[in-house]
Protein backbone atom coordinates (compact mmCIF):
# COMPACT_ATOMS: atom_id res chain seq x y z
CA MET A 1 -51.48 34.20 2.61
CA ARG A 2 -49.32 33.86 -0.45
CA SER A 3 -46.68 36.31 0.91
CA VAL A 4 -46.49 34.24 4.12
CA SER A 5 -45.82 31.10 2.07
CA ILE A 6 -43.11 32.88 0.07
CA ARG A 7 -41.49 34.17 3.28
CA LEU A 8 -41.65 30.72 4.83
CA ALA A 9 -40.09 29.14 1.72
CA ALA A 10 -37.36 31.81 1.69
CA ALA A 11 -36.64 31.17 5.37
CA TRP A 12 -36.30 27.44 4.70
CA LEU A 13 -33.88 28.13 1.85
CA VAL A 14 -31.72 30.24 4.15
CA VAL A 15 -31.73 27.49 6.79
CA LEU A 16 -30.88 24.80 4.25
CA ALA A 17 -28.15 26.89 2.65
CA SER A 18 -26.51 27.67 5.98
CA GLY A 19 -26.68 24.00 6.95
CA CYS A 20 -24.95 22.96 3.73
CA ALA A 21 -22.27 25.61 4.19
CA SER A 22 -21.39 24.26 7.61
CA MET A 23 -21.22 20.62 6.53
CA PRO A 24 -17.74 19.09 6.63
CA LYS A 25 -15.84 18.64 3.37
CA VAL A 26 -16.36 15.14 2.02
CA ASP A 27 -13.55 13.36 0.19
CA TRP A 28 -15.63 11.28 -2.22
CA THR A 29 -12.59 9.85 -4.01
CA GLY A 30 -10.87 8.70 -0.83
CA SER A 31 -7.66 10.43 -1.95
CA GLU A 32 -7.05 12.21 1.36
CA LEU A 33 -7.51 8.97 3.29
CA ALA A 34 -5.14 7.18 0.88
CA PHE A 35 -2.63 10.03 1.27
CA LYS A 36 -2.73 9.82 5.07
CA ASP A 37 -2.18 6.09 4.91
CA ALA A 38 0.75 6.53 2.49
CA TYR A 39 2.58 9.21 4.46
CA LYS A 40 2.06 7.47 7.79
CA THR A 41 3.36 4.16 6.40
CA TYR A 42 6.37 5.90 4.86
CA THR A 43 7.18 7.92 7.99
CA ARG A 44 6.76 4.97 10.34
CA SER A 45 8.97 2.84 8.08
CA LEU A 46 11.74 5.44 8.32
CA ARG A 47 11.31 5.70 12.07
CA TRP A 48 11.75 1.93 12.46
CA GLY A 49 14.74 1.85 10.11
CA GLU A 50 12.86 0.03 7.34
CA ILE A 51 14.48 2.09 4.60
CA GLU A 52 13.72 -0.35 1.77
CA ARG A 53 10.05 -0.41 2.76
CA ALA A 54 9.95 3.38 2.93
CA SER A 55 11.60 3.62 -0.49
CA ALA A 56 8.57 1.92 -2.05
CA ALA A 57 6.69 5.22 -1.59
CA VAL A 58 9.42 7.28 -3.25
CA ASP A 59 8.99 8.34 -6.87
CA PRO A 60 10.67 5.53 -8.86
CA GLU A 61 12.82 8.08 -10.74
CA ARG A 62 14.22 9.34 -7.41
CA ARG A 63 14.37 6.08 -5.47
CA ASP A 64 18.10 5.43 -6.04
CA ALA A 65 18.96 8.98 -4.93
CA PHE A 66 16.78 8.54 -1.84
CA LEU A 67 18.51 5.29 -0.88
CA ALA A 68 21.95 6.85 -1.48
CA GLY A 69 20.99 9.84 0.67
CA MET A 70 19.90 7.57 3.49
CA ARG A 71 23.15 5.58 3.22
CA ASP A 72 25.13 8.85 3.38
CA LEU A 73 23.63 9.53 6.82
CA GLY A 74 25.47 6.49 8.16
CA GLU A 75 24.29 4.02 10.77
CA MET A 76 21.43 5.64 12.65
CA HIS A 77 18.78 4.48 15.06
CA PHE A 78 15.58 6.52 15.07
CA THR A 79 13.95 6.90 18.46
CA ASP A 80 10.93 9.08 17.72
CA TYR A 81 9.24 11.33 15.19
CA GLU A 82 6.75 14.16 15.24
CA ILE A 83 4.62 15.51 12.41
CA ASP A 84 5.17 19.28 12.45
CA GLU A 85 2.79 20.24 9.68
CA THR A 86 0.62 18.72 6.95
CA GLU A 87 -0.78 20.61 3.96
CA PHE A 88 -3.20 18.81 1.63
CA ASP A 89 -4.51 20.19 -1.67
CA SER A 90 -7.41 18.05 -2.84
CA LEU A 91 -7.75 19.83 -6.19
CA ALA A 92 -4.08 19.57 -7.19
CA GLN A 93 -3.76 16.13 -5.55
CA THR A 94 -0.56 17.23 -3.80
CA ALA A 95 0.53 17.46 -0.19
CA THR A 96 3.47 18.54 1.93
CA VAL A 97 4.40 17.00 5.27
CA ARG A 98 7.09 18.32 7.59
CA VAL A 99 8.50 15.73 9.99
CA ARG A 100 10.99 15.99 12.86
CA TYR A 101 12.87 12.77 13.70
CA ARG A 102 15.00 12.06 16.77
CA ALA A 103 17.88 9.70 16.07
CA PHE A 104 21.32 8.78 17.25
CA ARG A 105 24.31 7.62 15.29
CA THR A 106 25.22 4.10 16.33
CA ASP A 107 28.96 4.70 15.85
CA THR A 108 29.21 7.86 18.01
CA LEU A 109 25.96 7.72 20.02
CA GLU A 110 25.50 11.36 19.01
CA ASP A 111 21.83 12.32 19.41
CA ASN A 112 20.38 14.62 16.74
CA THR A 113 17.13 15.95 15.39
CA TYR A 114 16.59 15.51 11.66
CA LEU A 115 14.05 17.34 9.54
CA GLU A 116 12.29 16.02 6.49
CA THR A 117 10.01 17.85 4.08
CA GLN A 118 7.96 15.32 2.18
CA HIS A 119 6.42 16.49 -1.13
CA TRP A 120 3.63 14.14 -2.13
CA SER A 121 1.69 13.85 -5.38
CA ARG A 122 -0.94 11.42 -6.57
CA ASP A 123 -0.29 9.59 -9.82
CA ALA A 124 -3.28 10.34 -12.06
CA GLU A 125 -3.12 6.94 -13.78
CA THR A 126 -2.61 4.64 -10.81
CA GLY A 127 -3.99 6.76 -7.95
CA VAL A 128 -0.86 5.93 -5.92
CA TRP A 129 0.64 8.63 -3.70
CA ARG A 130 4.40 9.14 -4.20
CA VAL A 131 6.86 11.15 -2.14
CA ASP A 132 9.69 13.25 -3.52
CA HIS A 133 12.35 15.37 -1.84
CA GLU A 134 14.20 18.51 -2.80
CA GLY A 135 17.71 17.38 -1.92
CA PRO A 136 18.68 14.89 0.79
CA PRO A 137 15.83 13.03 2.51
CA LEU A 138 16.79 14.08 6.05
CA VAL A 139 18.62 17.22 7.12
CA PRO A 140 20.13 17.75 10.59
CA ALA A 141 18.07 20.40 12.37
CA ARG A 142 21.15 22.32 13.48
CA SER A 143 22.10 22.90 9.82
CA VAL A 144 18.85 24.78 9.19
CA GLY A 145 18.72 26.65 12.49
CA ALA A 146 15.74 24.74 13.89
CA ARG A 147 15.21 23.80 17.53
């Protein structure tokens, strides 16, 4: 009788362990949800031409360079965007988002696709997600050989 009880207890442990292994990852701190909100607000702001609003998400040390880079693109009207890829690292509190924007220059009506790689990190003190770029904020797709 005792060996049956031990086998039954062992079987329950296996069932419980497999159930826990298949449970979805829980973000107890809410950092992934806050990140998604931050990058969507930033990306939508760029899409609608709200550059000042978008700049609020940029690392304060890089904000002036971001605004200058956007000015260097000239007068543009964004018509659409698509999130190509999102990578989130909950342990490092970093993320990368690749976005493809459709836009036309208002002076030439030239239609182009622009790519943006957003590098996000969460400020340990404030918990605020900030975006940074390696170089100009948006790059014409044709200059990097993309579709």
